[in-house]
Amino acid sequence: MKKIYFLQTCSTCRKILKEIDTRGFELQEIKTNAITVSQLTEMRNLTDSYESLFNKRAKLYTAMDLKNQAVSEADYRQLILDEYTFLKRPVIIIDDKIFIGNSKKVISQLKETMKTI
């Protein structure tokens, strides 16, 4: 499976999508087509935690003062399902590999993986 979860209004997501060959990928814009419980569970199964999928840079994170609260894995899961901006993006899945976010390291690993597919 090859899938990309992204936000169209995010300039960083748009930039990354221009840098890679998205042919053969299923693209899901998460604002207009919300992620489902099963999709989030699938992402979680490819990584170590819901927290690793959680965007702590979201404005709502600050507004809700989540930094100063004890947030459990179940809370991270529910917050992501309730509000699309809490999903760190883009999330790119290639078979059994997942690439989360837009750090230089993640994008470099993604590009290396894409050379082999």
PDB file of N, CA and C in Angstrom:
ATOM      1  N   MET A   1       0.830  -1.178   0.000  1.00  0.00           N
ATOM      2  CA  MET A   1       0.000   0.000   0.000  1.00  0.00           C
ATOM      3  C   MET A   1       0.877   1.246   0.000  1.00  0.00           C
ATOM      4  N   LYS A   2       0.465   2.223  -0.759  1.00  0.00           N
ATOM      5  CA  LYS A   2       1.160   3.498  -0.811  1.00  0.00           C
ATOM      6  C   LYS A   2       0.124   4.590  -0.605  1.00  0.00           C
ATOM      7  N   LYS A   3       0.264   5.321   0.501  1.00  0.00           N
ATOM      8  CA  LYS A   3      -0.751   6.313   0.849  1.00  0.00           C
ATOM      9  C   LYS A   3      -0.096   7.537   1.467  1.00  0.00           C
ATOM     10  N   ILE A   4      -0.691   8.701   1.183  1.00  0.00           N
ATOM     11  CA  ILE A   4      -0.205   9.957   1.746  1.00  0.00           C
ATOM     12  C   ILE A   4      -1.384  10.686   2.384  1.00  0.00           C
ATOM     13  N   TYR A   5      -1.224  11.006   3.661  1.00  0.00           N
ATOM     14  CA  TYR A   5      -2.188  11.833   4.378  1.00  0.00           C
ATOM     15  C   TYR A   5      -1.563  13.221   4.464  1.00  0.00           C
ATOM     16  N   PHE A   6      -2.292  14.231   4.002  1.00  0.00           N
ATOM     17  CA  PHE A   6      -1.722  15.577   3.964  1.00  0.00           C
ATOM     18  C   PHE A   6      -2.826  16.612   4.157  1.00  0.00           C
ATOM     19  N   LEU A   7      -2.408  17.867   4.300  1.00  0.00           N
ATOM     20  CA  LEU A   7      -3.330  18.980   4.429  1.00  0.00           C
ATOM     21  C   LEU A   7      -3.045  19.946   3.286  1.00  0.00           C
ATOM     22  N   GLN A   8      -4.035  20.184   2.455  1.00  0.00           N
ATOM     23  CA  GLN A   8      -3.863  21.020   1.261  1.00  0.00           C
ATOM     24  C   GLN A   8      -3.453  22.446   1.603  1.00  0.00           C
ATOM     25  N   THR A   9      -3.909  22.951   2.732  1.00  0.00           N
ATOM     26  CA  THR A   9      -3.599  24.328   3.103  1.00  0.00           C
ATOM     27  C   THR A   9      -2.219  24.471   3.743  1.00  0.00           C
ATOM     28  N   CYS A  10      -1.529  23.379   3.935  1.00  0.00           N
ATOM     29  CA  CYS A  10      -0.194  23.391   4.544  1.00  0.00           C
ATOM     30  C   CYS A  10       0.855  23.549   3.440  1.00  0.00           C
ATOM     31  N   SER A  11       1.567  24.660   3.469  1.00  0.00           N
ATOM     32  CA  SER A  11       2.568  24.920   2.427  1.00  0.00           C
ATOM     33  C   SER A  11       3.703  23.894   2.466  1.00  0.00           C
ATOM     34  N   THR A  12       4.043  23.421   3.636  1.00  0.00           N
ATOM     35  CA  THR A  12       5.098  22.414   3.743  1.00  0.00           C
ATOM     36  C   THR A  12       4.663  21.102   3.099  1.00  0.00           C
ATOM     37  N   CYS A  13       3.420  20.697   3.320  1.00  0.00           N
ATOM     38  CA  CYS A  13       2.902  19.482   2.677  1.00  0.00           C
ATOM     39  C   CYS A  13       2.942  19.635   1.164  1.00  0.00           C
ATOM     40  N   ARG A  14       2.487  20.776   0.664  1.00  0.00           N
ATOM     41  CA  ARG A  14       2.479  21.008  -0.791  1.00  0.00           C
ATOM     42  C   ARG A  14       3.894  20.953  -1.346  1.00  0.00           C
ATOM     43  N   LYS A  15       4.845  21.532  -0.637  1.00  0.00           N
ATOM     44  CA  LYS A  15       6.247  21.525  -1.080  1.00  0.00           C
ATOM     45  C   LYS A  15       6.778  20.096  -1.156  1.00  0.00           C
ATOM     46  N   ILE A  16       6.532  19.304  -0.138  1.00  0.00           N
ATOM     47  CA  ILE A  16       7.006  17.924  -0.105  1.00  0.00           C
ATOM     48  C   ILE A  16       6.356  17.105  -1.221  1.00  0.00           C
ATOM     49  N   LEU A  17       5.072  17.292  -1.444  1.00  0.00           N
ATOM     50  CA  LEU A  17       4.380  16.553  -2.498  1.00  0.00           C
ATOM     51  C   LEU A  17       4.924  16.907  -3.881  1.00  0.00           C
ATOM     52  N   LYS A  18       5.421  18.122  -4.044  1.00  0.00           N
ATOM     53  CA  LYS A  18       6.033  18.511  -5.319  1.00  0.00           C
ATOM     54  C   LYS A  18       7.411  17.869  -5.493  1.00  0.00           C
ATOM     55  N   GLU A  19       8.094  17.591  -4.383  1.00  0.00           N
ATOM     56  CA  GLU A  19       9.444  17.045  -4.419  1.00  0.00           C
ATOM     57  C   GLU A  19       9.483  15.552  -4.695  1.00  0.00           C
ATOM     58  N   ILE A  20       8.372  14.861  -4.463  1.00  0.00           N
ATOM     59  CA  ILE A  20       8.371  13.402  -4.627  1.00  0.00           C
ATOM     60  C   ILE A  20       7.405  12.990  -5.741  1.00  0.00           C
ATOM     61  N   ASP A  21       7.610  11.809  -6.246  1.00  0.00           N
ATOM     62  CA  ASP A  21       6.736  11.260  -7.285  1.00  0.00           C
ATOM     63  C   ASP A  21       5.551  10.583  -6.592  1.00  0.00           C
ATOM     64  N   THR A  22       4.380  11.176  -6.719  1.00  0.00           N
ATOM     65  CA  THR A  22       3.207  10.654  -6.023  1.00  0.00           C
ATOM     66  C   THR A  22       2.380   9.696  -6.881  1.00  0.00           C
ATOM     67  N   ARG A  23       2.866   9.384  -8.073  1.00  0.00           N
ATOM     68  CA  ARG A  23       2.135   8.420  -8.907  1.00  0.00           C
ATOM     69  C   ARG A  23       2.082   7.072  -8.182  1.00  0.00           C
ATOM     70  N   GLY A  24       0.922   6.469  -8.190  1.00  0.00           N
ATOM     71  CA  GLY A  24       0.750   5.179  -7.523  1.00  0.00           C
ATOM     72  C   GLY A  24       0.373   5.303  -6.058  1.00  0.00           C
ATOM     73  N   PHE A  25       0.344   6.522  -5.541  1.00  0.00           N
ATOM     74  CA  PHE A  25      -0.043   6.751  -4.154  1.00  0.00           C
ATOM     75  C   PHE A  25      -1.514   7.147  -4.090  1.00  0.00           C
ATOM     76  N   GLU A  26      -2.182   6.696  -3.045  1.00  0.00           N
ATOM     77  CA  GLU A  26      -3.512   7.201  -2.742  1.00  0.00           C
ATOM     78  C   GLU A  26      -3.304   8.438  -1.881  1.00  0.00           C
ATOM     79  N   LEU A  27      -3.873   9.554  -2.298  1.00  0.00           N
ATOM     80  CA  LEU A  27      -3.737  10.813  -1.562  1.00  0.00           C
ATOM     81  C   LEU A  27      -5.013  11.089  -0.788  1.00  0.00           C
ATOM     82  N   GLN A  28      -4.863  11.412   0.490  1.00  0.00           N
ATOM     83  CA  GLN A  28      -6.035  11.739   1.304  1.00  0.00           C
ATOM     84  C   GLN A  28      -5.808  13.082   1.980  1.00  0.00           C
ATOM     85  N   GLU A  29      -6.621  14.056   1.597  1.00  0.00           N
ATOM     86  CA  GLU A  29      -6.574  15.377   2.203  1.00  0.00           C
ATOM     87  C   GLU A  29      -7.390  15.299   3.491  1.00  0.00           C
ATOM     88  N   ILE A  30      -6.730  15.482   4.632  1.00  0.00           N
ATOM     89  CA  ILE A  30      -7.345  15.153   5.917  1.00  0.00           C
ATOM     90  C   ILE A  30      -8.383  16.158   6.417  1.00  0.00           C
ATOM     91  N   LYS A  31      -8.418  17.349   5.839  1.00  0.00           N
ATOM     92  CA  LYS A  31      -9.449  18.312   6.256  1.00  0.00           C
ATOM     93  C   LYS A  31     -10.788  17.978   5.614  1.00  0.00           C
ATOM     94  N   THR A  32     -10.765  17.632   4.347  1.00  0.00           N
ATOM     95  CA  THR A  32     -12.012  17.336   3.641  1.00  0.00           C
ATOM     96  C   THR A  32     -12.401  15.870   3.736  1.00  0.00           C
ATOM     97  N   ASN A  33     -11.438  15.004   4.042  1.00  0.00           N
ATOM     98  CA  ASN A  33     -11.692  13.569   4.142  1.00  0.00           C
ATOM     99  C   ASN A  33     -11.007  13.074   5.416  1.00  0.00           C
ATOM    100  N   ALA A  34     -11.707  13.224   6.528  1.00  0.00           N
ATOM    101  CA  ALA A  34     -11.132  12.927   7.842  1.00  0.00           C
ATOM    102  C   ALA A  34     -10.626  11.487   7.937  1.00  0.00           C
ATOM    103  N   ILE A  35      -9.566  11.329   8.733  1.00  0.00           N
ATOM    104  CA  ILE A  35      -9.048   9.978   8.931  1.00  0.00           C
ATOM    105  C   ILE A  35     -10.011   9.188   9.814  1.00  0.00           C
ATOM    106  N   THR A  36     -10.080   7.910   9.552  1.00  0.00           N
ATOM    107  CA  THR A  36     -10.982   7.025  10.291  1.00  0.00           C
ATOM    108  C   THR A  36     -10.223   6.358  11.438  1.00  0.00           C
ATOM    109  N   VAL A  37     -10.970   5.738  12.302  1.00  0.00           N
ATOM    110  CA  VAL A  37     -10.383   4.987  13.410  1.00  0.00           C
ATOM    111  C   VAL A  37      -9.443   3.908  12.867  1.00  0.00           C
ATOM    112  N   SER A  38      -9.893   3.186  11.845  1.00  0.00           N
ATOM    113  CA  SER A  38      -9.066   2.101  11.307  1.00  0.00           C
ATOM    114  C   SER A  38      -7.806   2.645  10.629  1.00  0.00           C
ATOM    115  N   GLN A  39      -7.906   3.784   9.968  1.00  0.00           N
ATOM    116  CA  GLN A  39      -6.714   4.379   9.349  1.00  0.00           C
ATOM    117  C   GLN A  39      -5.712   4.805  10.417  1.00  0.00           C
ATOM    118  N   LEU A  40      -6.203   5.419  11.489  1.00  0.00           N
ATOM    119  CA  LEU A  40      -5.310   5.851  12.562  1.00  0.00           C
ATOM    120  C   LEU A  40      -4.681   4.642  13.252  1.00  0.00           C
ATOM    121  N   THR A  41      -5.453   3.598  13.440  1.00  0.00           N
ATOM    122  CA  THR A  41      -4.931   2.370  14.042  1.00  0.00           C
ATOM    123  C   THR A  41      -3.844   1.769  13.157  1.00  0.00           C
ATOM    124  N   GLU A  42      -4.078   1.784  11.856  1.00  0.00           N
ATOM    125  CA  GLU A  42      -3.077   1.283  10.915  1.00  0.00           C
ATOM    126  C   GLU A  42      -1.776   2.094  11.022  1.00  0.00           C
ATOM    127  N   MET A  43      -1.892   3.426  11.102  1.00  0.00           N
ATOM    128  CA  MET A  43      -0.704   4.262  11.257  1.00  0.00           C
ATOM    129  C   MET A  43       0.010   3.923  12.558  1.00  0.00           C
ATOM    130  N   ARG A  44      -0.758   3.787  13.631  1.00  0.00           N
ATOM    131  CA  ARG A  44      -0.183   3.483  14.948  1.00  0.00           C
ATOM    132  C   ARG A  44       0.553   2.145  14.930  1.00  0.00           C
ATOM    133  N   ASN A  45       0.026   1.177  14.205  1.00  0.00           N
ATOM    134  CA  ASN A  45       0.665  -0.133  14.136  1.00  0.00           C
ATOM    135  C   ASN A  45       2.017  -0.090  13.420  1.00  0.00           C
ATOM    136  N   LEU A  46       2.253   0.957  12.642  1.00  0.00           N
ATOM    137  CA  LEU A  46       3.523   1.094  11.927  1.00  0.00           C
ATOM    138  C   LEU A  46       4.539   1.948  12.671  1.00  0.00           C
ATOM    139  N   THR A  47       4.143   2.494  13.800  1.00  0.00           N
ATOM    140  CA  THR A  47       5.040   3.336  14.587  1.00  0.00           C
ATOM    141  C   THR A  47       4.974   2.932  16.055  1.00  0.00           C
ATOM    142  N   ASP A  48       5.628   3.697  16.906  1.00  0.00           N
ATOM    143  CA  ASP A  48       5.743   3.294  18.308  1.00  0.00           C
ATOM    144  C   ASP A  48       4.645   3.818  19.228  1.00  0.00           C
ATOM    145  N   SER A  49       3.907   4.856  18.800  1.00  0.00           N
ATOM    146  CA  SER A  49       2.894   5.422  19.690  1.00  0.00           C
ATOM    147  C   SER A  49       1.987   6.387  18.926  1.00  0.00           C
ATOM    148  N   TYR A  50       0.861   6.703  19.538  1.00  0.00           N
ATOM    149  CA  TYR A  50       0.006   7.752  18.987  1.00  0.00           C
ATOM    150  C   TYR A  50       0.692   9.104  19.144  1.00  0.00           C
ATOM    151  N   GLU A  51       1.479   9.229  20.202  1.00  0.00           N
ATOM    152  CA  GLU A  51       2.186  10.495  20.433  1.00  0.00           C
ATOM    153  C   GLU A  51       3.118  10.831  19.262  1.00  0.00           C
ATOM    154  N   SER A  52       3.724   9.817  18.651  1.00  0.00           N
ATOM    155  CA  SER A  52       4.624  10.075  17.527  1.00  0.00           C
ATOM    156  C   SER A  52       3.860  10.595  16.302  1.00  0.00           C
ATOM    157  N   LEU A  53       2.554  10.389  16.259  1.00  0.00           N
ATOM    158  CA  LEU A  53       1.703  10.889  15.175  1.00  0.00           C
ATOM    159  C   LEU A  53       1.098  12.253  15.503  1.00  0.00           C
ATOM    160  N   PHE A  54       1.332  12.720  16.711  1.00  0.00           N
ATOM    161  CA  PHE A  54       0.669  13.921  17.226  1.00  0.00           C
ATOM    162  C   PHE A  54       1.478  15.175  16.945  1.00  0.00           C
ATOM    163  N   ASN A  55       0.805  16.196  16.428  1.00  0.00           N
ATOM    164  CA  ASN A  55       1.435  17.463  16.084  1.00  0.00           C
ATOM    165  C   ASN A  55       1.388  18.416  17.278  1.00  0.00           C
ATOM    166  N   LYS A  56       2.518  18.572  17.950  1.00  0.00           N
ATOM    167  CA  LYS A  56       2.581  19.465  19.105  1.00  0.00           C
ATOM    168  C   LYS A  56       2.821  20.913  18.696  1.00  0.00           C
ATOM    169  N   ARG A  57       2.877  21.169  17.400  1.00  0.00           N
ATOM    170  CA  ARG A  57       3.012  22.542  16.906  1.00  0.00           C
ATOM    171  C   ARG A  57       1.662  23.154  16.536  1.00  0.00           C
ATOM    172  N   ALA A  58       0.606  22.369  16.624  1.00  0.00           N
ATOM    173  CA  ALA A  58      -0.730  22.869  16.285  1.00  0.00           C
ATOM    174  C   ALA A  58      -1.118  24.005  17.231  1.00  0.00           C
ATOM    175  N   LYS A  59      -1.762  25.015  16.686  1.00  0.00           N
ATOM    176  CA  LYS A  59      -2.197  26.158  17.503  1.00  0.00           C
ATOM    177  C   LYS A  59      -3.127  25.706  18.612  1.00  0.00           C
ATOM    178  N   LEU A  60      -3.956  24.733  18.317  1.00  0.00           N
ATOM    179  CA  LEU A  60      -4.901  24.222  19.308  1.00  0.00           C
ATOM    180  C   LEU A  60      -4.185  23.548  20.486  1.00  0.00           C
ATOM    181  N   TYR A  61      -3.005  22.992  20.238  1.00  0.00           N
ATOM    182  CA  TYR A  61      -2.206  22.378  21.308  1.00  0.00           C
ATOM    183  C   TYR A  61      -1.892  23.428  22.368  1.00  0.00           C
ATOM    184  N   THR A  62      -1.484  24.602  21.916  1.00  0.00           N
ATOM    185  CA  THR A  62      -1.182  25.705  22.828  1.00  0.00           C
ATOM    186  C   THR A  62      -2.463  26.235  23.455  1.00  0.00           C
ATOM    187  N   ALA A  63      -3.488  26.419  22.634  1.00  0.00           N
ATOM    188  CA  ALA A  63      -4.754  26.970  23.123  1.00  0.00           C
ATOM    189  C   ALA A  63      -5.376  26.086  24.207  1.00  0.00           C
ATOM    190  N   MET A  64      -5.233  24.787  24.068  1.00  0.00           N
ATOM    191  CA  MET A  64      -5.796  23.848  25.049  1.00  0.00           C
ATOM    192  C   MET A  64      -4.849  23.599  26.215  1.00  0.00           C
ATOM    193  N   ASP A  65      -3.666  24.226  26.168  1.00  0.00           N
ATOM    194  CA  ASP A  65      -2.643  24.086  27.208  1.00  0.00           C
ATOM    195  C   ASP A  65      -2.291  22.624  27.476  1.00  0.00           C
ATOM    196  N   LEU A  66      -2.199  21.842  26.394  1.00  0.00           N
ATOM    197  CA  LEU A  66      -1.914  20.411  26.533  1.00  0.00           C
ATOM    198  C   LEU A  66      -0.495  20.159  27.033  1.00  0.00           C
ATOM    199  N   LYS A  67       0.394  21.110  26.822  1.00  0.00           N
ATOM    200  CA  LYS A  67       1.781  20.961  27.273  1.00  0.00           C
ATOM    201  C   LYS A  67       1.845  20.764  28.793  1.00  0.00           C
ATOM    202  N   ASN A  68       0.936  21.385  29.489  1.00  0.00           N
ATOM    203  CA  ASN A  68       0.941  21.334  30.951  1.00  0.00           C
ATOM    204  C   ASN A  68      -0.045  20.315  31.516  1.00  0.00           C
ATOM    205  N   GLN A  69      -0.473  19.379  30.665  1.00  0.00           N
ATOM    206  CA  GLN A  69      -1.398  18.346  31.116  1.00  0.00           C
ATOM    207  C   GLN A  69      -0.786  16.970  30.882  1.00  0.00           C
ATOM    208  N   ALA A  70      -1.231  16.027  31.667  1.00  0.00           N
ATOM    209  CA  ALA A  70      -0.816  14.638  31.459  1.00  0.00           C
ATOM    210  C   ALA A  70      -1.706  14.066  30.360  1.00  0.00           C
ATOM    211  N   VAL A  71      -1.095  13.795  29.196  1.00  0.00           N
ATOM    212  CA  VAL A  71      -1.850  13.297  28.050  1.00  0.00           C
ATOM    213  C   VAL A  71      -1.476  11.833  27.821  1.00  0.00           C
ATOM    214  N   SER A  72      -2.467  10.962  27.868  1.00  0.00           N
ATOM    215  CA  SER A  72      -2.228   9.528  27.704  1.00  0.00           C
ATOM    216  C   SER A  72      -2.265   9.158  26.220  1.00  0.00           C
ATOM    217  N   GLU A  73      -1.861   7.942  25.912  1.00  0.00           N
ATOM    218  CA  GLU A  73      -1.936   7.437  24.538  1.00  0.00           C
ATOM    219  C   GLU A  73      -3.375   7.483  24.028  1.00  0.00           C
ATOM    220  N   ALA A  74      -4.315   7.121  24.879  1.00  0.00           N
ATOM    221  CA  ALA A  74      -5.729   7.155  24.496  1.00  0.00           C
ATOM    222  C   ALA A  74      -6.166   8.593  24.209  1.00  0.00           C
ATOM    223  N   ASP A  75      -5.644   9.544  24.985  1.00  0.00           N
ATOM    224  CA  ASP A  75      -5.969  10.955  24.749  1.00  0.00           C
ATOM    225  C   ASP A  75      -5.412  11.411  23.404  1.00  0.00           C
ATOM    226  N   TYR A  76      -4.145  11.064  23.124  1.00  0.00           N
ATOM    227  CA  TYR A  76      -3.547  11.438  21.834  1.00  0.00           C
ATOM    228  C   TYR A  76      -4.386  10.887  20.686  1.00  0.00           C
ATOM    229  N   ARG A  77      -4.788   9.631  20.805  1.00  0.00           N
ATOM    230  CA  ARG A  77      -5.598   8.982  19.771  1.00  0.00           C
ATOM    231  C   ARG A  77      -6.890   9.758  19.541  1.00  0.00           C
ATOM    232  N   GLN A  78      -7.600  10.060  20.628  1.00  0.00           N
ATOM    233  CA  GLN A  78      -8.887  10.743  20.508  1.00  0.00           C
ATOM    234  C   GLN A  78      -8.721  12.166  19.993  1.00  0.00           C
ATOM    235  N   LEU A  79      -7.694  12.860  20.431  1.00  0.00           N
ATOM    236  CA  LEU A  79      -7.452  14.226  19.955  1.00  0.00           C
ATOM    237  C   LEU A  79      -7.201  14.252  18.447  1.00  0.00           C
ATOM    238  N   ILE A  80      -6.426  13.296  17.954  1.00  0.00           N
ATOM    239  CA  ILE A  80      -6.157  13.223  16.513  1.00  0.00           C
ATOM    240  C   ILE A  80      -7.452  12.948  15.752  1.00  0.00           C
ATOM    241  N   LEU A  81      -8.276  12.061  16.277  1.00  0.00           N
ATOM    242  CA  LEU A  81      -9.544  11.746  15.610  1.00  0.00           C
ATOM    243  C   LEU A  81     -10.517  12.932  15.642  1.00  0.00           C
ATOM    244  N   ASP A  82     -10.464  13.707  16.726  1.00  0.00           N
ATOM    245  CA  ASP A  82     -11.386  14.835  16.884  1.00  0.00           C
ATOM    246  C   ASP A  82     -10.982  16.057  16.066  1.00  0.00           C
ATOM    247  N   GLU A  83      -9.688  16.259  15.856  1.00  0.00           N
ATOM    248  CA  GLU A  83      -9.209  17.482  15.217  1.00  0.00           C
ATOM    249  C   GLU A  83      -8.068  17.161  14.254  1.00  0.00           C
ATOM    250  N   TYR A  84      -8.307  17.361  12.964  1.00  0.00           N
ATOM    251  CA  TYR A  84      -7.332  17.001  11.927  1.00  0.00           C
ATOM    252  C   TYR A  84      -5.983  17.695  12.100  1.00  0.00           C
ATOM    253  N   THR A  85      -5.962  18.890  12.698  1.00  0.00           N
ATOM    254  CA  THR A  85      -4.686  19.604  12.827  1.00  0.00           C
ATOM    255  C   THR A  85      -3.733  18.921  13.815  1.00  0.00           C
ATOM    256  N   PHE A  86      -4.250  17.991  14.599  1.00  0.00           N
ATOM    257  CA  PHE A  86      -3.386  17.281  15.549  1.00  0.00           C
ATOM    258  C   PHE A  86      -2.603  16.138  14.905  1.00  0.00           C
ATOM    259  N   LEU A  87      -2.885  15.800  13.663  1.00  0.00           N
ATOM    260  CA  LEU A  87      -2.081  14.773  12.992  1.00  0.00           C
ATOM    261  C   LEU A  87      -0.834  15.431  12.421  1.00  0.00           C
ATOM    262  N   LYS A  88       0.313  14.944  12.841  1.00  0.00           N
ATOM    263  CA  LYS A  88       1.569  15.442  12.286  1.00  0.00           C
ATOM    264  C   LYS A  88       1.572  15.095  10.807  1.00  0.00           C
ATOM    265  N   ARG A  89       1.993  16.035   9.974  1.00  0.00           N
ATOM    266  CA  ARG A  89       1.869  15.781   8.546  1.00  0.00           C
ATOM    267  C   ARG A  89       3.076  16.251   7.765  1.00  0.00           C
ATOM    268  N   PRO A  90       3.211  15.689   6.584  1.00  0.00           N
ATOM    269  CA  PRO A  90       2.400  14.617   6.032  1.00  0.00           C
ATOM    270  C   PRO A  90       2.737  13.279   6.679  1.00  0.00           C
ATOM    271  N   VAL A  91       1.832  12.338   6.536  1.00  0.00           N
ATOM    272  CA  VAL A  91       2.093  10.947   6.909  1.00  0.00           C
ATOM    273  C   VAL A  91       2.102  10.170   5.599  1.00  0.00           C
ATOM    274  N   ILE A  92       3.225   9.510   5.340  1.00  0.00           N
ATOM    275  CA  ILE A  92       3.382   8.769   4.097  1.00  0.00           C
ATOM    276  C   ILE A  92       3.652   7.314   4.440  1.00  0.00           C
ATOM    277  N   ILE A  93       2.840   6.434   3.871  1.00  0.00           N
ATOM    278  CA  ILE A  93       2.980   4.997   4.109  1.00  0.00           C
ATOM    279  C   ILE A  93       3.372   4.328   2.802  1.00  0.00           C
ATOM    280  N   ILE A  94       4.450   3.563   2.880  1.00  0.00           N
ATOM    281  CA  ILE A  94       4.895   2.753   1.749  1.00  0.00           C
ATOM    282  C   ILE A  94       5.036   1.331   2.273  1.00  0.00           C
ATOM    283  N   ASP A  95       4.074   0.495   1.932  1.00  0.00           N
ATOM    284  CA  ASP A  95       4.023  -0.890   2.410  1.00  0.00           C
ATOM    285  C   ASP A  95       4.050  -0.917   3.932  1.00  0.00           C
ATOM    286  N   ASP A  96       5.139  -1.406   4.544  1.00  0.00           N
ATOM    287  CA  ASP A  96       5.197  -1.499   6.003  1.00  0.00           C
ATOM    288  C   ASP A  96       6.058  -0.411   6.625  1.00  0.00           C
ATOM    289  N   LYS A  97       6.358   0.643   5.857  1.00  0.00           N
ATOM    290  CA  LYS A  97       7.162   1.763   6.364  1.00  0.00           C
ATOM    291  C   LYS A  97       6.280   2.998   6.470  1.00  0.00           C
ATOM    292  N   ILE A  98       6.523   3.769   7.521  1.00  0.00           N
ATOM    293  CA  ILE A  98       5.768   4.998   7.717  1.00  0.00           C
ATOM    294  C   ILE A  98       6.743   6.160   7.906  1.00  0.00           C
ATOM    295  N   PHE A  99       6.415   7.282   7.295  1.00  0.00           N
ATOM    296  CA  PHE A  99       7.211   8.497   7.391  1.00  0.00           C
ATOM    297  C   PHE A  99       6.283   9.584   7.924  1.00  0.00           C
ATOM    298  N   ILE A 100       6.630  10.115   9.096  1.00  0.00           N
ATOM    299  CA  ILE A 100       5.739  11.032   9.796  1.00  0.00           C
ATOM    300  C   ILE A 100       6.395  12.397   9.921  1.00  0.00           C
ATOM    301  N   GLY A 101       5.708  13.407   9.411  1.00  0.00           N
ATOM    302  CA  GLY A 101       6.178  14.767   9.579  1.00  0.00           C
ATOM    303  C   GLY A 101       7.081  15.240   8.462  1.00  0.00           C
ATOM    304  N   ASN A 102       7.697  16.386   8.697  1.00  0.00           N
ATOM    305  CA  ASN A 102       8.435  17.044   7.640  1.00  0.00           C
ATOM    306  C   ASN A 102       9.876  17.391   8.006  1.00  0.00           C
ATOM    307  N   SER A 103      10.422  16.703   8.990  1.00  0.00           N
ATOM    308  CA  SER A 103      11.816  16.984   9.346  1.00  0.00           C
ATOM    309  C   SER A 103      12.732  16.574   8.188  1.00  0.00           C
ATOM    310  N   LYS A 104      13.890  17.205   8.111  1.00  0.00           N
ATOM    311  CA  LYS A 104      14.840  16.892   7.039  1.00  0.00           C
ATOM    312  C   LYS A 104      15.218  15.415   7.059  1.00  0.00           C
ATOM    313  N   LYS A 105      15.385  14.854   8.265  1.00  0.00           N
ATOM    314  CA  LYS A 105      15.756  13.450   8.393  1.00  0.00           C
ATOM    315  C   LYS A 105      14.666  12.540   7.813  1.00  0.00           C
ATOM    316  N   VAL A 106      13.413  12.815   8.150  1.00  0.00           N
ATOM    317  CA  VAL A 106      12.291  11.988   7.663  1.00  0.00           C
ATOM    318  C   VAL A 106      12.180  12.083   6.149  1.00  0.00           C
ATOM    319  N   ILE A 107      12.282  13.286   5.609  1.00  0.00           N
ATOM    320  CA  ILE A 107      12.145  13.476   4.161  1.00  0.00           C
ATOM    321  C   ILE A 107      13.310  12.821   3.431  1.00  0.00           C
ATOM    322  N   SER A 108      14.492  12.884   4.003  1.00  0.00           N
ATOM    323  CA  SER A 108      15.660  12.220   3.409  1.00  0.00           C
ATOM    324  C   SER A 108      15.450  10.697   3.372  1.00  0.00           C
ATOM    325  N   GLN A 109      14.966  10.136   4.473  1.00  0.00           N
ATOM    326  CA  GLN A 109      14.689   8.693   4.532  1.00  0.00           C
ATOM    327  C   GLN A 109      13.610   8.313   3.519  1.00  0.00           C
ATOM    328  N   LEU A 110      12.596   9.152   3.396  1.00  0.00           N
ATOM    329  CA  LEU A 110      11.519   8.916   2.437  1.00  0.00           C
ATOM    330  C   LEU A 110      12.083   8.863   1.015  1.00  0.00           C
ATOM    331  N   LYS A 111      12.894   9.841   0.677  1.00  0.00           N
ATOM    332  CA  LYS A 111      13.444   9.906  -0.675  1.00  0.00           C
ATOM    333  C   LYS A 111      14.342   8.705  -0.976  1.00  0.00           C
ATOM    334  N   GLU A 112      15.098   8.265   0.015  1.00  0.00           N
ATOM    335  CA  GLU A 112      15.948   7.072  -0.160  1.00  0.00           C
ATOM    336  C   GLU A 112      15.084   5.836  -0.396  1.00  0.00           C
ATOM    337  N   THR A 113      14.015   5.705   0.372  1.00  0.00           N
ATOM    338  CA  THR A 113      13.102   4.569   0.220  1.00  0.00           C
ATOM    339  C   THR A 113      12.452   4.598  -1.154  1.00  0.00           C
ATOM    340  N   MET A 114      12.081   5.767  -1.609  1.00  0.00           N
ATOM    341  CA  MET A 114      11.383   5.887  -2.898  1.00  0.00           C
ATOM    342  C   MET A 114      12.294   5.516  -4.071  1.00  0.00           C
ATOM    343  N   LYS A 115      13.598   5.609  -3.883  1.00  0.00           N
ATOM    344  CA  LYS A 115      14.529   5.211  -4.937  1.00  0.00           C
ATOM    345  C   LYS A 115      14.478   3.712  -5.186  1.00  0.00           C
ATOM    346  N   THR A 116      14.058   2.963  -4.175  1.00  0.00           N
ATOM    347  CA  THR A 116      14.083   1.506  -4.263  1.00  0.00           C
ATOM    348  C   THR A 116      12.745   0.896  -4.680  1.00  0.00           C
ATOM    349  N   ILE A 117      11.714   1.741  -4.821  1.00  0.00           N
ATOM    350  CA  ILE A 117      10.392   1.191  -5.181  1.00  0.00           C
ATOM    351  C   ILE A 117      10.075   1.433  -6.642  1.00  0.00           C
TER     352      ILE A 117
END
